Amino acid sequence: MLITDKSPEQGAATSVYACLVDTDTFEGGEYLRDCGIVETLNQYAKDELKTLRKKLWVATETIIKQNGFHLPSSLI
C-alpha cells in the first residue's frame, strides 16, 4: 500500500506545469516541486557542464526509437 499526502491530480500538477509553462521561465536543468523551482542541496546534481542531461537525452531517444516510435525532427 502506498500512502501519500497528494491526490493523483496534485501529484501530476508539477509535470503538467513543466509542460505548459513559458520556456523563458527556465534556464534548463532546474528541479521542480509543487509547481516551482527548488534549489538542490547536492552540488553535483546541478550538472553545470550539461554532460549528464545530454547523456540522458541520448539514452531516452535511443529507448524511444528501439520501441518503434519516431521523434519529430524538431526535438532531435
PDB file of N, CA and C in Angstrom:
ATOM      1  N   MET A   1       0.847  -1.180   0.000  1.00  0.00           N
ATOM      2  CA  MET A   1       0.000   0.000   0.000  1.00  0.00           C
ATOM      3  C   MET A   1       0.898   1.251   0.000  1.00  0.00           C
ATOM      4  N   LEU A   2       0.581   2.180  -0.871  1.00  0.00           N
ATOM      5  CA  LEU A   2       1.310   3.434  -0.975  1.00  0.00           C
ATOM      6  C   LEU A   2       0.496   4.535  -0.312  1.00  0.00           C
ATOM      7  N   ILE A   3       1.129   5.224   0.618  1.00  0.00           N
ATOM      8  CA  ILE A   3       0.444   6.312   1.318  1.00  0.00           C
ATOM      9  C   ILE A   3       1.128   7.625   0.933  1.00  0.00           C
ATOM     10  N   THR A   4       0.337   8.559   0.436  1.00  0.00           N
ATOM     11  CA  THR A   4       0.885   9.862   0.065  1.00  0.00           C
ATOM     12  C   THR A   4      -0.001  10.963   0.622  1.00  0.00           C
ATOM     13  N   ASP A   5       0.523  12.159   0.575  1.00  0.00           N
ATOM     14  CA  ASP A   5      -0.268  13.300   1.036  1.00  0.00           C
ATOM     15  C   ASP A   5      -0.852  14.103  -0.122  1.00  0.00           C
ATOM     16  N   LYS A   6      -0.775  13.532  -1.345  1.00  0.00           N
ATOM     17  CA  LYS A   6      -1.292  14.228  -2.522  1.00  0.00           C
ATOM     18  C   LYS A   6      -2.245  13.327  -3.296  1.00  0.00           C
ATOM     19  N   SER A   7      -3.206  13.959  -3.905  1.00  0.00           N
ATOM     20  CA  SER A   7      -4.098  13.231  -4.812  1.00  0.00           C
ATOM     21  C   SER A   7      -3.345  13.002  -6.127  1.00  0.00           C
ATOM     22  N   PRO A   8      -3.833  12.118  -6.987  1.00  0.00           N
ATOM     23  CA  PRO A   8      -3.185  11.941  -8.295  1.00  0.00           C
ATOM     24  C   PRO A   8      -3.090  13.258  -9.079  1.00  0.00           C
ATOM     25  N   GLU A   9      -4.119  14.072  -8.995  1.00  0.00           N
ATOM     26  CA  GLU A   9      -4.108  15.363  -9.702  1.00  0.00           C
ATOM     27  C   GLU A   9      -3.014  16.273  -9.145  1.00  0.00           C
ATOM     28  N   GLN A  10      -2.886  16.311  -7.834  1.00  0.00           N
ATOM     29  CA  GLN A  10      -1.852  17.138  -7.214  1.00  0.00           C
ATOM     30  C   GLN A  10      -0.464  16.600  -7.561  1.00  0.00           C
ATOM     31  N   GLY A  11      -0.335  15.285  -7.581  1.00  0.00           N
ATOM     32  CA  GLY A  11       0.940  14.673  -7.926  1.00  0.00           C
ATOM     33  C   GLY A  11       1.362  14.963  -9.358  1.00  0.00           C
ATOM     34  N   ALA A  12       0.401  15.069 -10.248  1.00  0.00           N
ATOM     35  CA  ALA A  12       0.694  15.329 -11.658  1.00  0.00           C
ATOM     36  C   ALA A  12       0.867  16.814 -11.962  1.00  0.00           C
ATOM     37  N   ALA A  13       0.451  17.680 -11.063  1.00  0.00           N
ATOM     38  CA  ALA A  13       0.415  19.121 -11.326  1.00  0.00           C
ATOM     39  C   ALA A  13       1.766  19.686 -11.735  1.00  0.00           C
ATOM     40  N   THR A  14       2.850  19.277 -11.084  1.00  0.00           N
ATOM     41  CA  THR A  14       4.158  19.833 -11.416  1.00  0.00           C
ATOM     42  C   THR A  14       4.608  19.397 -12.805  1.00  0.00           C
ATOM     43  N   SER A  15       4.334  18.156 -13.176  1.00  0.00           N
ATOM     44  CA  SER A  15       4.690  17.696 -14.524  1.00  0.00           C
ATOM     45  C   SER A  15       3.897  18.445 -15.579  1.00  0.00           C
ATOM     46  N   VAL A  16       2.626  18.655 -15.333  1.00  0.00           N
ATOM     47  CA  VAL A  16       1.787  19.414 -16.265  1.00  0.00           C
ATOM     48  C   VAL A  16       2.288  20.856 -16.351  1.00  0.00           C
ATOM     49  N   TYR A  17       2.597  21.443 -15.207  1.00  0.00           N
ATOM     50  CA  TYR A  17       3.136  22.808 -15.161  1.00  0.00           C
ATOM     51  C   TYR A  17       4.397  22.908 -16.025  1.00  0.00           C
ATOM     52  N   ALA A  18       5.313  21.957 -15.860  1.00  0.00           N
ATOM     53  CA  ALA A  18       6.571  21.983 -16.610  1.00  0.00           C
ATOM     54  C   ALA A  18       6.340  21.888 -18.115  1.00  0.00           C
ATOM     55  N   CYS A  19       5.301  21.181 -18.503  1.00  0.00           N
ATOM     56  CA  CYS A  19       4.983  21.038 -19.934  1.00  0.00           C
ATOM     57  C   CYS A  19       4.340  22.281 -20.522  1.00  0.00           C
ATOM     58  N   LEU A  20       3.642  23.039 -19.706  1.00  0.00           N
ATOM     59  CA  LEU A  20       2.846  24.151 -20.224  1.00  0.00           C
ATOM     60  C   LEU A  20       3.439  25.538 -19.995  1.00  0.00           C
ATOM     61  N   VAL A  21       4.354  25.663 -19.054  1.00  0.00           N
ATOM     62  CA  VAL A  21       4.894  26.977 -18.705  1.00  0.00           C
ATOM     63  C   VAL A  21       5.740  27.532 -19.862  1.00  0.00           C
ATOM     64  N   ASP A  22       5.817  28.840 -19.952  1.00  0.00           N
ATOM     65  CA  ASP A  22       6.620  29.507 -20.977  1.00  0.00           C
ATOM     66  C   ASP A  22       8.081  29.090 -20.842  1.00  0.00           C
ATOM     67  N   THR A  23       8.724  28.775 -21.951  1.00  0.00           N
ATOM     68  CA  THR A  23      10.108  28.288 -21.904  1.00  0.00           C
ATOM     69  C   THR A  23      11.087  29.295 -21.325  1.00  0.00           C
ATOM     70  N   ASP A  24      10.758  30.554 -21.342  1.00  0.00           N
ATOM     71  CA  ASP A  24      11.645  31.567 -20.768  1.00  0.00           C
ATOM     72  C   ASP A  24      11.704  31.488 -19.244  1.00  0.00           C
ATOM     73  N   THR A  25      10.827  30.708 -18.638  1.00  0.00           N
ATOM     74  CA  THR A  25      10.788  30.559 -17.193  1.00  0.00           C
ATOM     75  C   THR A  25      11.994  29.784 -16.685  1.00  0.00           C
ATOM     76  N   PHE A  26      12.556  28.908 -17.518  1.00  0.00           N
ATOM     77  CA  PHE A  26      13.648  28.036 -17.093  1.00  0.00           C
ATOM     78  C   PHE A  26      14.925  28.314 -17.865  1.00  0.00           C
ATOM     79  N   GLU A  27      16.055  28.070 -17.204  1.00  0.00           N
ATOM     80  CA  GLU A  27      17.347  28.110 -17.880  1.00  0.00           C
ATOM     81  C   GLU A  27      17.664  26.733 -18.449  1.00  0.00           C
ATOM     82  N   GLY A  28      17.187  25.707 -17.763  1.00  0.00           N
ATOM     83  CA  GLY A  28      17.443  24.324 -18.140  1.00  0.00           C
ATOM     84  C   GLY A  28      18.106  23.586 -16.999  1.00  0.00           C
ATOM     85  N   GLY A  29      17.564  22.423 -16.659  1.00  0.00           N
ATOM     86  CA  GLY A  29      18.156  21.600 -15.617  1.00  0.00           C
ATOM     87  C   GLY A  29      17.651  21.874 -14.216  1.00  0.00           C
ATOM     88  N   GLU A  30      16.660  22.733 -14.082  1.00  0.00           N
ATOM     89  CA  GLU A  30      16.137  23.040 -12.752  1.00  0.00           C
ATOM     90  C   GLU A  30      15.356  21.860 -12.186  1.00  0.00           C
ATOM     91  N   TYR A  31      15.279  21.815 -10.884  1.00  0.00           N
ATOM     92  CA  TYR A  31      14.439  20.841 -10.192  1.00  0.00           C
ATOM     93  C   TYR A  31      13.136  21.533  -9.826  1.00  0.00           C
ATOM     94  N   LEU A  32      12.041  20.830 -10.035  1.00  0.00           N
ATOM     95  CA  LEU A  32      10.725  21.395  -9.747  1.00  0.00           C
ATOM     96  C   LEU A  32      10.038  20.596  -8.644  1.00  0.00           C
ATOM     97  N   ARG A  33       9.306  21.313  -7.815  1.00  0.00           N
ATOM     98  CA  ARG A  33       8.460  20.699  -6.794  1.00  0.00           C
ATOM     99  C   ARG A  33       7.308  21.642  -6.536  1.00  0.00           C
ATOM    100  N   ASP A  34       6.122  21.097  -6.475  1.00  0.00           N
ATOM    101  CA  ASP A  34       4.916  21.883  -6.208  1.00  0.00           C
ATOM    102  C   ASP A  34       4.815  23.098  -7.134  1.00  0.00           C
ATOM    103  N   CYS A  35       5.026  22.860  -8.408  1.00  0.00           N
ATOM    104  CA  CYS A  35       4.898  23.871  -9.470  1.00  0.00           C
ATOM    105  C   CYS A  35       5.844  25.050  -9.301  1.00  0.00           C
ATOM    106  N   GLY A  36       7.009  24.792  -8.779  1.00  0.00           N
ATOM    107  CA  GLY A  36       8.005  25.850  -8.647  1.00  0.00           C
ATOM    108  C   GLY A  36       9.411  25.281  -8.696  1.00  0.00           C
ATOM    109  N   ILE A  37      10.378  26.144  -8.936  1.00  0.00           N
ATOM    110  CA  ILE A  37      11.780  25.754  -8.983  1.00  0.00           C
ATOM    111  C   ILE A  37      12.304  25.690  -7.557  1.00  0.00           C
ATOM    112  N   VAL A  38      13.043  24.614  -7.250  1.00  0.00           N
ATOM    113  CA  VAL A  38      13.661  24.476  -5.934  1.00  0.00           C
ATOM    114  C   VAL A  38      15.153  24.249  -6.114  1.00  0.00           C
ATOM    115  N   GLU A  39      15.905  24.713  -5.159  1.00  0.00           N
ATOM    116  CA  GLU A  39      17.357  24.511  -5.175  1.00  0.00           C
ATOM    117  C   GLU A  39      17.680  23.124  -4.644  1.00  0.00           C
ATOM    118  N   THR A  40      18.634  22.480  -5.274  1.00  0.00           N
ATOM    119  CA  THR A  40      19.084  21.194  -4.785  1.00  0.00           C
ATOM    120  C   THR A  40      20.195  21.414  -3.764  1.00  0.00           C
ATOM    121  N   LEU A  41      20.271  20.545  -2.802  1.00  0.00           N
ATOM    122  CA  LEU A  41      21.315  20.638  -1.792  1.00  0.00           C
ATOM    123  C   LEU A  41      22.581  19.941  -2.250  1.00  0.00           C
ATOM    124  N   ASN A  42      22.492  19.166  -3.303  1.00  0.00           N
ATOM    125  CA  ASN A  42      23.622  18.400  -3.799  1.00  0.00           C
ATOM    126  C   ASN A  42      24.303  19.176  -4.918  1.00  0.00           C
ATOM    127  N   GLN A  43      25.532  19.589  -4.698  1.00  0.00           N
ATOM    128  CA  GLN A  43      26.229  20.390  -5.707  1.00  0.00           C
ATOM    129  C   GLN A  43      26.440  19.630  -7.008  1.00  0.00           C
ATOM    130  N   TYR A  44      26.493  18.299  -6.957  1.00  0.00           N
ATOM    131  CA  TYR A  44      26.701  17.511  -8.161  1.00  0.00           C
ATOM    132  C   TYR A  44      25.428  17.369  -8.982  1.00  0.00           C
ATOM    133  N   ALA A  45      24.306  17.631  -8.387  1.00  0.00           N
ATOM    134  CA  ALA A  45      23.029  17.491  -9.096  1.00  0.00           C
ATOM    135  C   ALA A  45      22.798  18.622 -10.085  1.00  0.00           C
ATOM    136  N   LYS A  46      23.553  19.677  -9.994  1.00  0.00           N
ATOM    137  CA  LYS A  46      23.331  20.832 -10.862  1.00  0.00           C
ATOM    138  C   LYS A  46      23.779  20.601 -12.297  1.00  0.00           C
ATOM    139  N   ASP A  47      24.732  19.692 -12.528  1.00  0.00           N
ATOM    140  CA  ASP A  47      25.175  19.337 -13.879  1.00  0.00           C
ATOM    141  C   ASP A  47      25.531  20.585 -14.689  1.00  0.00           C
ATOM    142  N   GLU A  48      26.386  21.418 -14.129  1.00  0.00           N
ATOM    143  CA  GLU A  48      26.713  22.692 -14.769  1.00  0.00           C
ATOM    144  C   GLU A  48      27.356  22.531 -16.140  1.00  0.00           C
ATOM    145  N   LEU A  49      28.045  21.418 -16.370  1.00  0.00           N
ATOM    146  CA  LEU A  49      28.659  21.194 -17.681  1.00  0.00           C
ATOM    147  C   LEU A  49      27.677  20.572 -18.673  1.00  0.00           C
ATOM    148  N   LYS A  50      26.489  20.250 -18.197  1.00  0.00           N
ATOM    149  CA  LYS A  50      25.403  19.702 -19.014  1.00  0.00           C
ATOM    150  C   LYS A  50      25.741  18.353 -19.637  1.00  0.00           C
ATOM    151  N   THR A  51      26.696  17.621 -19.070  1.00  0.00           N
ATOM    152  CA  THR A  51      27.047  16.323 -19.632  1.00  0.00           C
ATOM    153  C   THR A  51      26.024  15.261 -19.269  1.00  0.00           C
ATOM    154  N   LEU A  52      25.520  15.287 -18.043  1.00  0.00           N
ATOM    155  CA  LEU A  52      24.562  14.265 -17.632  1.00  0.00           C
ATOM    156  C   LEU A  52      23.240  14.406 -18.370  1.00  0.00           C
ATOM    157  N   ARG A  53      22.767  15.630 -18.551  1.00  0.00           N
ATOM    158  CA  ARG A  53      21.486  15.798 -19.245  1.00  0.00           C
ATOM    159  C   ARG A  53      21.598  15.398 -20.714  1.00  0.00           C
ATOM    160  N   LYS A  54      22.781  15.620 -21.311  1.00  0.00           N
ATOM    161  CA  LYS A  54      22.977  15.193 -22.699  1.00  0.00           C
ATOM    162  C   LYS A  54      22.952  13.675 -22.795  1.00  0.00           C
ATOM    163  N   LYS A  55      23.601  12.986 -21.836  1.00  0.00           N
ATOM    164  CA  LYS A  55      23.578  11.527 -21.827  1.00  0.00           C
ATOM    165  C   LYS A  55      22.157  11.009 -21.635  1.00  0.00           C
ATOM    166  N   LEU A  56      21.412  11.646 -20.750  1.00  0.00           N
ATOM    167  CA  LEU A  56      20.029  11.241 -20.512  1.00  0.00           C
ATOM    168  C   LEU A  56      19.192  11.424 -21.773  1.00  0.00           C
ATOM    169  N   TRP A  57      19.377  12.546 -22.470  1.00  0.00           N
ATOM    170  CA  TRP A  57      18.616  12.813 -23.696  1.00  0.00           C
ATOM    171  C   TRP A  57      18.910  11.744 -24.746  1.00  0.00           C
ATOM    172  N   VAL A  58      20.183  11.434 -24.952  1.00  0.00           N
ATOM    173  CA  VAL A  58      20.576  10.439 -25.941  1.00  0.00           C
ATOM    174  C   VAL A  58      20.009   9.069 -25.568  1.00  0.00           C
ATOM    175  N   ALA A  59      20.116   8.698 -24.296  1.00  0.00           N
ATOM    176  CA  ALA A  59      19.583   7.408 -23.847  1.00  0.00           C
ATOM    177  C   ALA A  59      18.070   7.348 -24.047  1.00  0.00           C
ATOM    178  N   THR A  60      17.380   8.444 -23.763  1.00  0.00           N
ATOM    179  CA  THR A  60      15.927   8.488 -23.926  1.00  0.00           C
ATOM    180  C   THR A  60      15.546   8.357 -25.394  1.00  0.00           C
ATOM    181  N   GLU A  61      16.249   9.076 -26.279  1.00  0.00           N
ATOM    182  CA  GLU A  61      15.992   8.957 -27.717  1.00  0.00           C
ATOM    183  C   GLU A  61      16.192   7.520 -28.187  1.00  0.00           C
ATOM    184  N   THR A  62      17.249   6.882 -27.713  1.00  0.00           N
ATOM    185  CA  THR A  62      17.553   5.513 -28.104  1.00  0.00           C
ATOM    186  C   THR A  62      16.434   4.564 -27.683  1.00  0.00           C
ATOM    187  N   ILE A  63      15.984   4.685 -26.455  1.00  0.00           N
ATOM    188  CA  ILE A  63      14.904   3.827 -25.952  1.00  0.00           C
ATOM    189  C   ILE A  63      13.625   4.048 -26.748  1.00  0.00           C
ATOM    190  N   ILE A  64      13.310   5.297 -27.041  1.00  0.00           N
ATOM    191  CA  ILE A  64      12.096   5.612 -27.804  1.00  0.00           C
ATOM    192  C   ILE A  64      12.170   4.976 -29.190  1.00  0.00           C
ATOM    193  N   LYS A  65      13.304   5.143 -29.857  1.00  0.00           N
ATOM    194  CA  LYS A  65      13.469   4.587 -31.211  1.00  0.00           C
ATOM    195  C   LYS A  65      13.454   3.055 -31.202  1.00  0.00           C
ATOM    196  N   GLN A  66      14.104   2.435 -30.190  1.00  0.00           N
ATOM    197  CA  GLN A  66      14.136   0.978 -30.095  1.00  0.00           C
ATOM    198  C   GLN A  66      12.744   0.388 -29.891  1.00  0.00           C
ATOM    199  N   ASN A  67      11.836   1.182 -29.381  1.00  0.00           N
ATOM    200  CA  ASN A  67      10.482   0.711 -29.137  1.00  0.00           C
ATOM    201  C   ASN A  67       9.516   1.088 -30.256  1.00  0.00           C
ATOM    202  N   GLY A  68      10.085   1.492 -31.406  1.00  0.00           N
ATOM    203  CA  GLY A  68       9.274   1.685 -32.597  1.00  0.00           C
ATOM    204  C   GLY A  68       8.616   3.047 -32.740  1.00  0.00           C
ATOM    205  N   PHE A  69       8.986   3.991 -31.908  1.00  0.00           N
ATOM    206  CA  PHE A  69       8.409   5.330 -32.020  1.00  0.00           C
ATOM    207  C   PHE A  69       9.366   6.239 -32.772  1.00  0.00           C
ATOM    208  N   HIS A  70       8.826   7.272 -33.384  1.00  0.00           N
ATOM    209  CA  HIS A  70       9.640   8.219 -34.138  1.00  0.00           C
ATOM    210  C   HIS A  70       9.530   9.591 -33.490  1.00  0.00           C
ATOM    211  N   LEU A  71      10.674  10.231 -33.331  1.00  0.00           N
ATOM    212  CA  LEU A  71      10.706  11.565 -32.753  1.00  0.00           C
ATOM    213  C   LEU A  71      10.579  12.610 -33.853  1.00  0.00           C
ATOM    214  N   PRO A  72       9.806  13.667 -33.608  1.00  0.00           N
ATOM    215  CA  PRO A  72       9.762  14.757 -34.588  1.00  0.00           C
ATOM    216  C   PRO A  72      11.146  15.376 -34.728  1.00  0.00           C
ATOM    217  N   SER A  73      11.505  15.762 -35.924  1.00  0.00           N
ATOM    218  CA  SER A  73      12.845  16.339 -36.152  1.00  0.00           C
ATOM    219  C   SER A  73      13.068  17.593 -35.325  1.00  0.00           C
ATOM    220  N   SER A  74      12.000  18.275 -34.910  1.00  0.00           N
ATOM    221  CA  SER A  74      12.157  19.482 -34.091  1.00  0.00           C
ATOM    222  C   SER A  74      12.692  19.154 -32.693  1.00  0.00           C
ATOM    223  N   LEU A  75      12.579  17.905 -32.267  1.00  0.00           N
ATOM    224  CA  LEU A  75      13.075  17.509 -30.950  1.00  0.00           C
ATOM    225  C   LEU A  75      14.485  16.952 -31.005  1.00  0.00           C
ATOM    226  N   ILE A  76      14.922  16.543 -32.175  1.00  0.00           N
ATOM    227  CA  ILE A  76      16.231  15.888 -32.300  1.00  0.00           C
ATOM    228  C   ILE A  76      17.314  16.925 -32.470  1.00  0.00           C
TER     229      ILE A  76
END
